[in-house]
Protein backbone atom coordinates (compact mmCIF):
# COMPACT_ATOMS: atom_id res chain seq x y z
CA MET A 1 -10.79 4.58 12.34
CA VAL A 2 -11.80 5.96 8.98
CA PHE A 3 -11.70 2.64 7.10
CA ALA A 4 -12.55 -0.99 7.77
CA HIS A 5 -9.67 -3.19 8.92
CA ASP A 6 -9.24 -4.92 5.55
CA THR A 7 -9.07 -1.59 3.75
CA VAL A 8 -6.41 -0.35 6.17
CA ASN A 9 -4.42 -3.58 5.75
CA SER A 10 -4.54 -3.37 1.96
CA LEU A 11 -3.58 0.31 1.90
CA ARG A 12 -0.67 -0.30 4.29
CA ALA A 13 0.54 -3.20 2.17
CA ALA A 14 0.31 -1.18 -1.05
CA VAL A 15 2.20 1.78 0.47
CA ASP A 16 4.80 -0.62 1.89
CA LEU A 17 5.23 -2.25 -1.52
CA VAL A 18 5.60 1.09 -3.30
CA ASN A 19 8.07 2.33 -0.68
CA ALA A 20 10.07 -0.90 -0.93
CA GLU A 21 11.18 0.29 -4.36
CA GLU A 22 12.61 3.52 -2.92
CA PRO A 23 16.20 3.55 -1.65
CA PRO A 24 17.16 1.53 0.22
CA LEU A 25 15.38 -1.26 -1.66
CA THR A 26 13.71 -3.57 0.84
CA LEU A 27 11.93 -6.18 -1.27
CA THR A 28 14.76 -7.78 -3.22
CA THR A 29 14.71 -11.43 -2.11
CA THR A 30 12.09 -14.12 -1.83
CA ALA A 31 12.75 -14.13 1.94
CA GLU A 32 11.86 -10.43 2.08
CA LEU A 33 8.70 -11.16 0.07
CA ASP A 34 7.84 -13.93 2.57
CA ALA A 35 8.24 -11.42 5.43
CA PHE A 36 6.11 -8.86 3.54
CA LEU A 37 3.31 -11.41 3.14
CA VAL A 38 3.40 -12.33 6.82
CA ARG A 39 3.58 -8.67 7.92
CA HIS A 40 0.52 -7.78 5.86
CA GLY A 41 -1.49 -10.96 6.47
CA TYR A 42 -1.64 -12.19 2.87
CA THR A 43 -3.06 -15.66 2.49
CA GLY A 44 -3.57 -17.88 -0.52
CA ARG A 45 -1.18 -18.97 -3.22
CA HIS A 46 2.47 -18.06 -2.75
CA ASP A 47 4.95 -19.65 -5.14
CA GLY A 48 8.07 -18.26 -3.43
CA THR A 49 9.91 -17.92 -6.74
CA GLU A 50 12.08 -15.20 -8.22
CA THR A 51 9.46 -14.79 -10.96
CA GLU A 52 6.76 -14.12 -8.38
CA LEU A 53 9.04 -11.63 -6.63
CA ALA A 54 9.72 -9.83 -9.92
CA ARG A 55 6.00 -9.66 -10.73
CA VAL A 56 5.19 -8.25 -7.28
CA ARG A 57 7.99 -5.67 -7.50
CA ALA A 58 6.77 -4.66 -10.97
CA LEU A 59 3.47 -3.59 -9.38
CA ALA A 60 5.08 -0.67 -7.53
CA PRO A 61 4.78 1.98 -10.29
CA ARG A 62 1.19 0.94 -11.06
CA LEU A 63 0.19 1.05 -7.39
CA ARG A 64 1.99 4.40 -6.92
CA GLY A 65 -0.05 5.82 -9.78
CA LEU A 66 -3.28 4.47 -8.32
CA LEU A 67 -2.59 5.66 -4.77
CA LEU A 68 -1.62 9.17 -5.89
CA ALA A 69 -4.29 9.57 -8.58
CA SER A 70 -7.00 12.18 -8.27
CA ARG A 71 -10.36 10.93 -7.08
CA ASP A 72 -11.84 10.66 -10.58
CA GLU A 73 -8.68 9.09 -12.04
CA ALA A 74 -8.55 6.59 -9.17
CA ALA A 75 -12.18 5.59 -9.77
CA GLU A 76 -11.43 4.92 -13.44
CA GLN A 77 -8.31 2.93 -12.61
CA VAL A 78 -10.12 0.88 -9.94
CA ASN A 79 -12.90 -0.02 -12.37
CA ARG A 80 -10.39 -1.01 -15.05
CA LEU A 81 -8.27 -3.11 -12.64
CA LEU A 82 -11.27 -4.95 -11.21
CA GLU A 83 -12.68 -5.64 -14.66
CA GLN A 84 -9.32 -6.92 -15.95
CA ALA A 85 -9.03 -9.27 -12.98
CA GLY A 86 -12.61 -10.54 -13.28
CA ALA A 87 -13.12 -9.58 -9.64
CA ALA A 88 -16.04 -11.16 -7.81
CA PRO A 89 -16.15 -9.72 -4.27
CA ARG A 90 -17.10 -12.05 -1.45
CA LEU A 91 -16.89 -12.00 2.32
CA VAL A 92 -14.38 -14.36 3.93
CA ARG A 93 -13.10 -15.06 7.42
CA HIS A 94 -9.85 -16.91 8.09
CA GLU A 95 -6.77 -17.25 10.30
CA GLY A 96 -7.91 -15.01 13.13
CA GLN A 97 -9.22 -12.27 10.83
CA ASP A 98 -12.85 -11.24 11.07
CA TRP A 99 -15.08 -10.90 8.01
CA HIS A 100 -13.43 -9.01 5.18
CA VAL A 101 -13.61 -8.81 1.41
CA HIS A 102 -11.65 -10.87 -1.11
CA ALA A 103 -12.38 -10.37 -4.78
CA VAL A 104 -10.25 -13.01 -6.49
CA SER A 105 -9.59 -16.67 -5.85
CA PRO A 106 -6.93 -17.59 -3.28
CA ASP A 107 -5.33 -19.56 -6.15
CA ALA A 108 -4.82 -16.40 -8.24
CA PRO A 109 -1.22 -15.26 -8.68
CA LEU A 110 0.02 -13.11 -5.82
CA ASP A 111 0.51 -9.98 -7.94
CA ASP A 112 -3.10 -10.22 -9.17
CA ARG A 113 -4.36 -10.55 -5.60
CA ILE A 114 -2.31 -7.55 -4.46
CA VAL A 115 -3.62 -5.37 -7.29
CA VAL A 116 -7.23 -6.38 -6.67
CA GLU A 117 -7.01 -5.93 -2.90
CA THR A 118 -5.47 -2.49 -3.40
CA ALA A 119 -8.20 -1.58 -5.90
CA MET A 120 -10.88 -2.76 -3.46
CA ALA A 121 -9.33 -0.61 -0.72
CA MET A 122 -9.28 2.36 -3.06
CA ILE A 123 -13.03 1.97 -3.51
CA ASP A 124 -13.39 3.02 0.13
CA VAL A 125 -10.90 5.88 -0.31
CA VAL A 126 -12.81 7.21 -3.33
CA ARG A 127 -16.24 6.76 -1.75
CA ALA A 128 -15.18 8.50 1.45
CA ASP A 129 -13.28 11.21 -0.49
CA GLU A 130 -10.23 10.52 1.69
CA HIS A 131 -7.45 10.95 -0.89
CA SER A 132 -5.74 13.44 1.40
CA ARG A 133 -4.71 10.44 3.52
CA LEU A 134 -2.28 9.40 0.77
CA ALA A 135 0.60 11.71 -0.10
CA LEU A 136 4.28 11.96 -0.93
CA CYS A 137 6.76 12.10 1.93
CA ALA A 138 7.49 15.67 3.05
CA ASP A 139 11.24 14.95 3.01
CA ALA A 140 12.61 16.83 0.00
CA ASP A 141 14.99 13.96 -0.84
CA CYS A 142 12.42 11.16 -0.57
CA GLN A 143 9.76 9.91 -2.96
CA GLY A 144 8.13 7.52 -0.48
CA LEU A 145 4.38 7.45 0.07
CA VAL A 146 2.67 8.34 3.32
CA LEU A 147 -0.56 6.73 4.50
CA ASP A 148 -1.89 9.07 7.17
CA LEU A 149 -4.48 7.34 9.31
CA SER A 150 -4.03 9.74 12.21
CA ARG A 151 -7.09 11.50 13.57
CA ASN A 152 -5.64 14.96 12.98
CA ARG A 153 -3.99 14.10 9.65
CA SER A 154 -0.57 15.08 10.94
CA ARG A 155 1.66 12.38 9.44
CA ARG A 156 4.07 13.93 6.95
CA TYR A 157 6.89 11.42 6.55
CA CYS A 158 6.97 7.89 5.14
CA SER A 159 9.29 6.45 7.76
CA THR A 160 10.93 7.02 11.10
CA ALA A 161 14.20 7.66 9.24
CA CYS A 162 12.69 10.57 7.29
CA THR A 163 10.96 11.90 10.42
CA ASN A 164 14.20 11.81 12.43
CA ARG A 165 16.32 13.30 9.64
CA ASN A 166 13.95 16.26 9.32
CA ALA A 167 13.60 16.74 13.09
CA GLN A 168 17.39 16.83 13.42
CA ALA A 169 17.69 19.31 10.55
CA ALA A 170 15.05 21.54 12.14
CA LEU A 171 16.84 21.36 15.49
CA ARG A 172 20.17 22.30 13.88
CA ALA A 173 18.49 25.19 12.06
CA ARG A 174 16.96 26.51 15.30
CA ARG A 175 20.29 26.27 17.12
CA ALA A 176 22.11 28.03 14.27
CA GLY A 177 19.51 30.74 13.89
């Protein structure tokens, strides 16, 4: 694996959040936010309100910009985000997870924690010069993000739906041609 487990978890969560704002929208209720938090192992404060949901959803464009930024732009954004949040990295271990980094209080609002955890993960991406692992979906009709953690960097599509749609189109083209 290229990155530590907490970096991978944060990157997956950020990509999932960004892609949730692409059709079909998949983060539109507090129940879906609850499921998102469980799926990605978020701990700490969770208000479960519509306001919290709206604040989390509002992060998508900002995270998209960070994840797709050039290396130098990402470094500048990470520094700015961490400074704005007053981040103070520390090692923690909880709920079956081994040592990993948190940089804000577990009492901080969820959207602040998501931004900071994504910024912390991007530190590893920038340091390892691994920006090629983040890209737009290769489906011409999709704007989803792809996090490619494969050894041979072969992932091109953001979802199984996009993968299947393009495989079927390629099959039809071969049969027709």
